[in-house]
PDB file of all heavy atoms in Angstrom:
ATOM      1  N   LEU A   1       0.811  -1.215   0.000  1.00  0.00           N
ATOM      2  CA  LEU A   1       0.000   0.000   0.000  1.00  0.00           C
ATOM      3  C   LEU A   1       0.844   1.264   0.000  1.00  0.00           C
ATOM      4  O   LEU A   1       0.524   2.236  -0.701  1.00  0.00           O
ATOM      5  CB  LEU A   1      -0.933  -0.012   1.218  1.00  0.00           C
ATOM      6  CG  LEU A   1      -1.809   1.229   1.434  1.00  0.00           C
ATOM      7  CD1 LEU A   1      -2.728   1.459   0.240  1.00  0.00           C
ATOM      8  CD2 LEU A   1      -2.636   1.088   2.706  1.00  0.00           C
ATOM      9  N   ILE A   2       1.919   1.268   0.787  1.00  0.00           N
ATOM     10  CA  ILE A   2       2.634   2.534   0.969  1.00  0.00           C
ATOM     11  C   ILE A   2       3.464   2.942  -0.246  1.00  0.00           C
ATOM     12  O   ILE A   2       4.046   4.031  -0.248  1.00  0.00           O
ATOM     13  CB  ILE A   2       3.536   2.507   2.225  1.00  0.00           C
ATOM     14  CG1 ILE A   2       4.580   1.397   2.144  1.00  0.00           C
ATOM     15  CG2 ILE A   2       2.698   2.381   3.480  1.00  0.00           C
ATOM     16  CD1 ILE A   2       5.522   1.380   3.337  1.00  0.00           C
ATOM     17  N   THR A   3       3.494   2.114  -1.298  1.00  0.00           N
ATOM     18  CA  THR A   3       4.158   2.553  -2.533  1.00  0.00           C
ATOM     19  C   THR A   3       3.500   3.814  -3.090  1.00  0.00           C
ATOM     20  O   THR A   3       4.186   4.676  -3.657  1.00  0.00           O
ATOM     21  CB  THR A   3       4.129   1.451  -3.605  1.00  0.00           C
ATOM     22  OG1 THR A   3       2.772   1.040  -3.825  1.00  0.00           O
ATOM     23  CG2 THR A   3       4.958   0.247  -3.194  1.00  0.00           C
ATOM     24  N   VAL A   4       2.169   3.954  -2.939  1.00  0.00           N
ATOM     25  CA  VAL A   4       1.497   5.140  -3.482  1.00  0.00           C
ATOM     26  C   VAL A   4       1.876   6.393  -2.705  1.00  0.00           C
ATOM     27  O   VAL A   4       1.901   7.488  -3.266  1.00  0.00           O
ATOM     28  CB  VAL A   4      -0.041   4.959  -3.504  1.00  0.00           C
ATOM     29  CG1 VAL A   4      -0.446   3.829  -4.433  1.00  0.00           C
ATOM     30  CG2 VAL A   4      -0.610   4.736  -2.116  1.00  0.00           C
ATOM     31  N   PHE A   5       2.198   6.241  -1.412  1.00  0.00           N
ATOM     32  CA  PHE A   5       2.642   7.390  -0.633  1.00  0.00           C
ATOM     33  C   PHE A   5       3.944   7.950  -1.208  1.00  0.00           C
ATOM     34  O   PHE A   5       4.155   9.160  -1.224  1.00  0.00           O
ATOM     35  CB  PHE A   5       2.852   6.994   0.834  1.00  0.00           C
ATOM     36  CG  PHE A   5       1.579   6.810   1.613  1.00  0.00           C
ATOM     37  CD1 PHE A   5       0.818   5.656   1.497  1.00  0.00           C
ATOM     38  CD2 PHE A   5       1.142   7.795   2.484  1.00  0.00           C
ATOM     39  CE1 PHE A   5      -0.348   5.481   2.224  1.00  0.00           C
ATOM     40  CE2 PHE A   5      -0.027   7.631   3.227  1.00  0.00           C
ATOM     41  CZ  PHE A   5      -0.779   6.476   3.085  1.00  0.00           C
ATOM     42  N   PHE A   6       4.815   7.065  -1.676  1.00  0.00           N
ATOM     43  CA  PHE A   6       6.068   7.493  -2.287  1.00  0.00           C
ATOM     44  C   PHE A   6       5.804   8.317  -3.543  1.00  0.00           C
ATOM     45  O   PHE A   6       6.422   9.365  -3.751  1.00  0.00           O
ATOM     46  CB  PHE A   6       6.911   6.266  -2.629  1.00  0.00           C
ATOM     47  CG  PHE A   6       8.219   6.598  -3.301  1.00  0.00           C
ATOM     48  CD1 PHE A   6       9.341   6.885  -2.543  1.00  0.00           C
ATOM     49  CD2 PHE A   6       8.328   6.617  -4.684  1.00  0.00           C
ATOM     50  CE1 PHE A   6      10.558   7.191  -3.155  1.00  0.00           C
ATOM     51  CE2 PHE A   6       9.526   6.926  -5.296  1.00  0.00           C
ATOM     52  CZ  PHE A   6      10.650   7.213  -4.535  1.00  0.00           C
ATOM     53  N   PHE A   7       4.871   7.861  -4.380  1.00  0.00           N
ATOM     54  CA  PHE A   7       4.568   8.564  -5.630  1.00  0.00           C
ATOM     55  C   PHE A   7       4.070   9.983  -5.372  1.00  0.00           C
ATOM     56  O   PHE A   7       4.455  10.916  -6.081  1.00  0.00           O
ATOM     57  CB  PHE A   7       3.510   7.799  -6.437  1.00  0.00           C
ATOM     58  CG  PHE A   7       4.049   6.593  -7.153  1.00  0.00           C
ATOM     59  CD1 PHE A   7       3.335   5.405  -7.172  1.00  0.00           C
ATOM     60  CD2 PHE A   7       5.264   6.647  -7.819  1.00  0.00           C
ATOM     61  CE1 PHE A   7       3.816   4.294  -7.834  1.00  0.00           C
ATOM     62  CE2 PHE A   7       5.758   5.535  -8.485  1.00  0.00           C
ATOM     63  CZ  PHE A   7       5.037   4.354  -8.495  1.00  0.00           C
ATOM     64  N   TRP A   8       3.190  10.163  -4.382  1.00  0.00           N
ATOM     65  CA  TRP A   8       2.656  11.507  -4.116  1.00  0.00           C
ATOM     66  C   TRP A   8       3.793  12.469  -3.815  1.00  0.00           C
ATOM     67  O   TRP A   8       3.833  13.579  -4.348  1.00  0.00           O
ATOM     68  CB  TRP A   8       1.706  11.490  -2.926  1.00  0.00           C
ATOM     69  CG  TRP A   8       0.580  10.527  -3.003  1.00  0.00           C
ATOM     70  CD1 TRP A   8       0.018   9.998  -4.135  1.00  0.00           C
ATOM     71  CD2 TRP A   8      -0.133   9.945  -1.902  1.00  0.00           C
ATOM     72  NE1 TRP A   8      -0.987   9.135  -3.801  1.00  0.00           N
ATOM     73  CE2 TRP A   8      -1.099   9.084  -2.439  1.00  0.00           C
ATOM     74  CE3 TRP A   8      -0.042  10.078  -0.524  1.00  0.00           C
ATOM     75  CZ2 TRP A   8      -1.977   8.354  -1.636  1.00  0.00           C
ATOM     76  CZ3 TRP A   8      -0.905   9.351   0.281  1.00  0.00           C
ATOM     77  CH2 TRP A   8      -1.865   8.506  -0.274  1.00  0.00           C
ATOM     78  N   GLY A   9       4.698  12.046  -2.947  1.00  0.00           N
ATOM     79  CA  GLY A   9       5.807  12.911  -2.590  1.00  0.00           C
ATOM     80  C   GLY A   9       6.758  13.145  -3.745  1.00  0.00           C
ATOM     81  O   GLY A   9       7.222  14.269  -3.977  1.00  0.00           O
ATOM     82  N   PHE A  10       7.046  12.101  -4.505  1.00  0.00           N
ATOM     83  CA  PHE A  10       7.983  12.182  -5.625  1.00  0.00           C
ATOM     84  C   PHE A  10       7.519  13.207  -6.655  1.00  0.00           C
ATOM     85  O   PHE A  10       8.293  14.068  -7.078  1.00  0.00           O
ATOM     86  CB  PHE A  10       8.112  10.798  -6.275  1.00  0.00           C
ATOM     87  CG  PHE A  10       9.142  10.717  -7.367  1.00  0.00           C
ATOM     88  CD1 PHE A  10      10.422  10.265  -7.089  1.00  0.00           C
ATOM     89  CD2 PHE A  10       8.832  11.075  -8.668  1.00  0.00           C
ATOM     90  CE1 PHE A  10      11.380  10.183  -8.090  1.00  0.00           C
ATOM     91  CE2 PHE A  10       9.779  10.995  -9.678  1.00  0.00           C
ATOM     92  CZ  PHE A  10      11.063  10.548  -9.389  1.00  0.00           C
ATOM     93  N   VAL A  11       6.260  13.122  -7.060  1.00  0.00           N
ATOM     94  CA  VAL A  11       5.757  14.003  -8.121  1.00  0.00           C
ATOM     95  C   VAL A  11       5.556  15.426  -7.604  1.00  0.00           C
ATOM     96  O   VAL A  11       5.936  16.400  -8.271  1.00  0.00           O
ATOM     97  CB  VAL A  11       4.443  13.442  -8.712  1.00  0.00           C
ATOM     98  CG1 VAL A  11       3.854  14.415  -9.737  1.00  0.00           C
ATOM     99  CG2 VAL A  11       4.696  12.091  -9.365  1.00  0.00           C
ATOM    100  N   ALA A  12       4.954  15.573  -6.409  1.00  0.00           N
ATOM    101  CA  ALA A  12       4.680  16.915  -5.880  1.00  0.00           C
ATOM    102  C   ALA A  12       5.966  17.708  -5.686  1.00  0.00           C
ATOM    103  O   ALA A  12       6.049  18.889  -6.045  1.00  0.00           O
ATOM    104  CB  ALA A  12       3.910  16.818  -4.566  1.00  0.00           C
ATOM    105  N   ALA A  13       7.006  17.071  -5.128  1.00  0.00           N
ATOM    106  CA  ALA A  13       8.265  17.777  -4.885  1.00  0.00           C
ATOM    107  C   ALA A  13       8.993  18.092  -6.177  1.00  0.00           C
ATOM    108  O   ALA A  13       9.776  19.046  -6.242  1.00  0.00           O
ATOM    109  CB  ALA A  13       9.154  16.948  -3.958  1.00  0.00           C
ATOM    110  N   SER A  14       8.741  17.300  -7.216  1.00  0.00           N
ATOM    111  CA  SER A  14       9.406  17.523  -8.505  1.00  0.00           C
ATOM    112  C   SER A  14       8.938  18.797  -9.191  1.00  0.00           C
ATOM    113  O   SER A  14       9.618  19.297 -10.095  1.00  0.00           O
ATOM    114  CB  SER A  14       9.156  16.327  -9.428  1.00  0.00           C
ATOM    115  OG  SER A  14       9.613  15.134  -8.838  1.00  0.00           O
ATOM    116  N   ASN A  15       7.792  19.315  -8.769  1.00  0.00           N
ATOM    117  CA  ASN A  15       7.283  20.536  -9.395  1.00  0.00           C
ATOM    118  C   ASN A  15       8.272  21.691  -9.268  1.00  0.00           C
ATOM    119  O   ASN A  15       8.331  22.565 -10.130  1.00  0.00           O
ATOM    120  CB  ASN A  15       5.944  20.941  -8.773  1.00  0.00           C
ATOM    121  CG  ASN A  15       4.812  20.007  -9.170  1.00  0.00           C
ATOM    122  OD1 ASN A  15       4.989  19.136 -10.019  1.00  0.00           O
ATOM    123  ND2 ASN A  15       3.661  20.175  -8.554  1.00  0.00           N
ATOM    124  N   GLY A  16       9.051  21.699  -8.179  1.00  0.00           N
ATOM    125  CA  GLY A  16      10.020  22.762  -7.987  1.00  0.00           C
ATOM    126  C   GLY A  16      11.084  22.790  -9.071  1.00  0.00           C
ATOM    127  O   GLY A  16      11.676  23.846  -9.342  1.00  0.00           O
ATOM    128  N   ILE A  17      11.379  21.645  -9.694  1.00  0.00           N
ATOM    129  CA  ILE A  17      12.317  21.573 -10.819  1.00  0.00           C
ATOM    130  C   ILE A  17      11.584  21.826 -12.128  1.00  0.00           C
ATOM    131  O   ILE A  17      12.074  22.511 -13.028  1.00  0.00           O
ATOM    132  CB  ILE A  17      13.003  20.182 -10.864  1.00  0.00           C
ATOM    133  CG1 ILE A  17      13.740  19.914  -9.547  1.00  0.00           C
ATOM    134  CG2 ILE A  17      13.947  20.082 -12.051  1.00  0.00           C
ATOM    135  CD1 ILE A  17      14.875  20.862  -9.259  1.00  0.00           C
ATOM    136  N   PHE A  18      10.378  21.275 -12.227  1.00  0.00           N
ATOM    137  CA  PHE A  18       9.621  21.338 -13.476  1.00  0.00           C
ATOM    138  C   PHE A  18       9.129  22.749 -13.775  1.00  0.00           C
ATOM    139  O   PHE A  18       9.051  23.162 -14.943  1.00  0.00           O
ATOM    140  CB  PHE A  18       8.442  20.366 -13.379  1.00  0.00           C
ATOM    141  CG  PHE A  18       7.845  20.001 -14.710  1.00  0.00           C
ATOM    142  CD1 PHE A  18       8.576  19.254 -15.617  1.00  0.00           C
ATOM    143  CD2 PHE A  18       6.571  20.403 -15.057  1.00  0.00           C
ATOM    144  CE1 PHE A  18       8.029  18.909 -16.848  1.00  0.00           C
ATOM    145  CE2 PHE A  18       6.023  20.072 -16.271  1.00  0.00           C
ATOM    146  CZ  PHE A  18       6.755  19.313 -17.172  1.00  0.00           C
ATOM    147  N   ILE A  19       8.795  23.520 -12.735  1.00  0.00           N
ATOM    148  CA  ILE A  19       8.257  24.873 -12.931  1.00  0.00           C
ATOM    149  C   ILE A  19       9.239  25.792 -13.647  1.00  0.00           C
ATOM    150  O   ILE A  19       8.886  26.399 -14.668  1.00  0.00           O
ATOM    151  CB  ILE A  19       7.789  25.468 -11.589  1.00  0.00           C
ATOM    152  CG1 ILE A  19       6.464  24.825 -11.162  1.00  0.00           C
ATOM    153  CG2 ILE A  19       7.618  26.983 -11.679  1.00  0.00           C
ATOM    154  CD1 ILE A  19       6.028  25.173  -9.749  1.00  0.00           C
ATOM    155  N   PRO A  20      10.485  25.953 -13.164  1.00  0.00           N
ATOM    156  CA  PRO A  20      11.402  26.825 -13.891  1.00  0.00           C
ATOM    157  C   PRO A  20      11.742  26.313 -15.286  1.00  0.00           C
ATOM    158  O   PRO A  20      12.005  27.107 -16.198  1.00  0.00           O
ATOM    159  CB  PRO A  20      12.650  26.886 -12.995  1.00  0.00           C
ATOM    160  CG  PRO A  20      12.535  25.743 -12.067  1.00  0.00           C
ATOM    161  CD  PRO A  20      11.071  25.478 -11.898  1.00  0.00           C
ATOM    162  N   PHE A  21      11.741  24.982 -15.471  1.00  0.00           N
ATOM    163  CA  PHE A  21      11.959  24.421 -16.806  1.00  0.00           C
ATOM    164  C   PHE A  21      10.858  24.862 -17.765  1.00  0.00           C
ATOM    165  O   PHE A  21      11.120  25.328 -18.874  1.00  0.00           O
ATOM    166  CB  PHE A  21      12.025  22.895 -16.723  1.00  0.00           C
ATOM    167  CG  PHE A  21      11.984  22.220 -18.070  1.00  0.00           C
ATOM    168  CD1 PHE A  21      13.093  22.247 -18.894  1.00  0.00           C
ATOM    169  CD2 PHE A  21      10.841  21.574 -18.518  1.00  0.00           C
ATOM    170  CE1 PHE A  21      13.068  21.639 -20.142  1.00  0.00           C
ATOM    171  CE2 PHE A  21      10.794  20.967 -19.753  1.00  0.00           C
ATOM    172  CZ  PHE A  21      11.917  20.986 -20.574  1.00  0.00           C
ATOM    173  N   CYS A  22       9.594  24.720 -17.332  1.00  0.00           N
ATOM    174  CA  CYS A  22       8.469  25.131 -18.182  1.00  0.00           C
ATOM    175  C   CYS A  22       8.465  26.639 -18.415  1.00  0.00           C
ATOM    176  O   CYS A  22       8.100  27.113 -19.492  1.00  0.00           O
ATOM    177  CB  CYS A  22       7.141  24.699 -17.555  1.00  0.00           C
ATOM    178  SG  CYS A  22       6.773  22.943 -17.742  1.00  0.00           S
ATOM    179  N   LYS A  23       8.882  27.394 -17.387  1.00  0.00           N
ATOM    180  CA  LYS A  23       8.929  28.850 -17.522  1.00  0.00           C
ATOM    181  C   LYS A  23       9.852  29.254 -18.658  1.00  0.00           C
ATOM    182  O   LYS A  23       9.533  30.134 -19.466  1.00  0.00           O
ATOM    183  CB  LYS A  23       9.384  29.485 -16.212  1.00  0.00           C
ATOM    184  CG  LYS A  23       9.423  31.014 -16.249  1.00  0.00           C
ATOM    185  CD  LYS A  23       9.912  31.606 -14.941  1.00  0.00           C
ATOM    186  CE  LYS A  23       9.966  33.130 -15.023  1.00  0.00           C
ATOM    187  NZ  LYS A  23      10.480  33.728 -13.760  1.00  0.00           N
ATOM    188  N   THR A  24      10.999  28.577 -18.738  1.00  0.00           N
ATOM    189  CA  THR A  24      11.961  28.875 -19.806  1.00  0.00           C
ATOM    190  C   THR A  24      11.471  28.373 -21.149  1.00  0.00           C
ATOM    191  O   THR A  24      11.502  29.097 -22.150  1.00  0.00           O
ATOM    192  CB  THR A  24      13.330  28.239 -19.477  1.00  0.00           C
ATOM    193  OG1 THR A  24      13.808  28.777 -18.247  1.00  0.00           O
ATOM    194  CG2 THR A  24      14.336  28.504 -20.582  1.00  0.00           C
ATOM    195  N   HIS A  25      10.991  27.129 -21.192  1.00  0.00           N
ATOM    196  CA  HIS A  25      10.612  26.525 -22.465  1.00  0.00           C
ATOM    197  C   HIS A  25       9.407  27.212 -23.107  1.00  0.00           C
ATOM    198  O   HIS A  25       9.406  27.469 -24.320  1.00  0.00           O
ATOM    199  CB  HIS A  25      10.305  25.036 -22.286  1.00  0.00           C
ATOM    200  CG  HIS A  25       9.920  24.364 -23.567  1.00  0.00           C
ATOM    201  ND1 HIS A  25      10.856  23.923 -24.476  1.00  0.00           N
ATOM    202  CD2 HIS A  25       8.703  24.097 -24.112  1.00  0.00           C
ATOM    203  CE1 HIS A  25      10.233  23.397 -25.522  1.00  0.00           C
ATOM    204  NE2 HIS A  25       8.935  23.484 -25.319  1.00  0.00           N
ATOM    205  N   PHE A  26       8.395  27.506 -22.300  1.00  0.00           N
ATOM    206  CA  PHE A  26       7.175  28.106 -22.845  1.00  0.00           C
ATOM    207  C   PHE A  26       7.182  29.632 -22.754  1.00  0.00           C
ATOM    208  O   PHE A  26       6.182  30.271 -23.102  1.00  0.00           O
ATOM    209  CB  PHE A  26       5.945  27.556 -22.104  1.00  0.00           C
ATOM    210  CG  PHE A  26       5.658  26.109 -22.398  1.00  0.00           C
ATOM    211  CD1 PHE A  26       5.932  25.126 -21.456  1.00  0.00           C
ATOM    212  CD2 PHE A  26       5.118  25.717 -23.615  1.00  0.00           C
ATOM    213  CE1 PHE A  26       5.667  23.791 -21.710  1.00  0.00           C
ATOM    214  CE2 PHE A  26       4.845  24.382 -23.888  1.00  0.00           C
ATOM    215  CZ  PHE A  26       5.124  23.420 -22.935  1.00  0.00           C
ATOM    216  N   GLN A  27       8.302  30.202 -22.279  1.00  0.00           N
ATOM    217  CA  GLN A  27       8.455  31.656 -22.160  1.00  0.00           C
ATOM    218  C   GLN A  27       7.315  32.267 -21.335  1.00  0.00           C
ATOM    219  O   GLN A  27       6.592  33.148 -21.784  1.00  0.00           O
ATOM    220  CB  GLN A  27       8.535  32.302 -23.555  1.00  0.00           C
ATOM    221  CG  GLN A  27       9.729  31.809 -24.365  1.00  0.00           C
ATOM    222  CD  GLN A  27       9.821  32.451 -25.731  1.00  0.00           C
ATOM    223  OE1 GLN A  27       8.824  32.893 -26.299  1.00  0.00           O
ATOM    224  NE2 GLN A  27      11.030  32.507 -26.271  1.00  0.00           N
TER     225      GLN A  27
END
């Protein structure tokens, strides 16, 4: 069951990297 808990944290925390990437790519 707790594998899904890992996914929530993994994806949510990744937004901090993904946001500046999208900011640059999509201007």
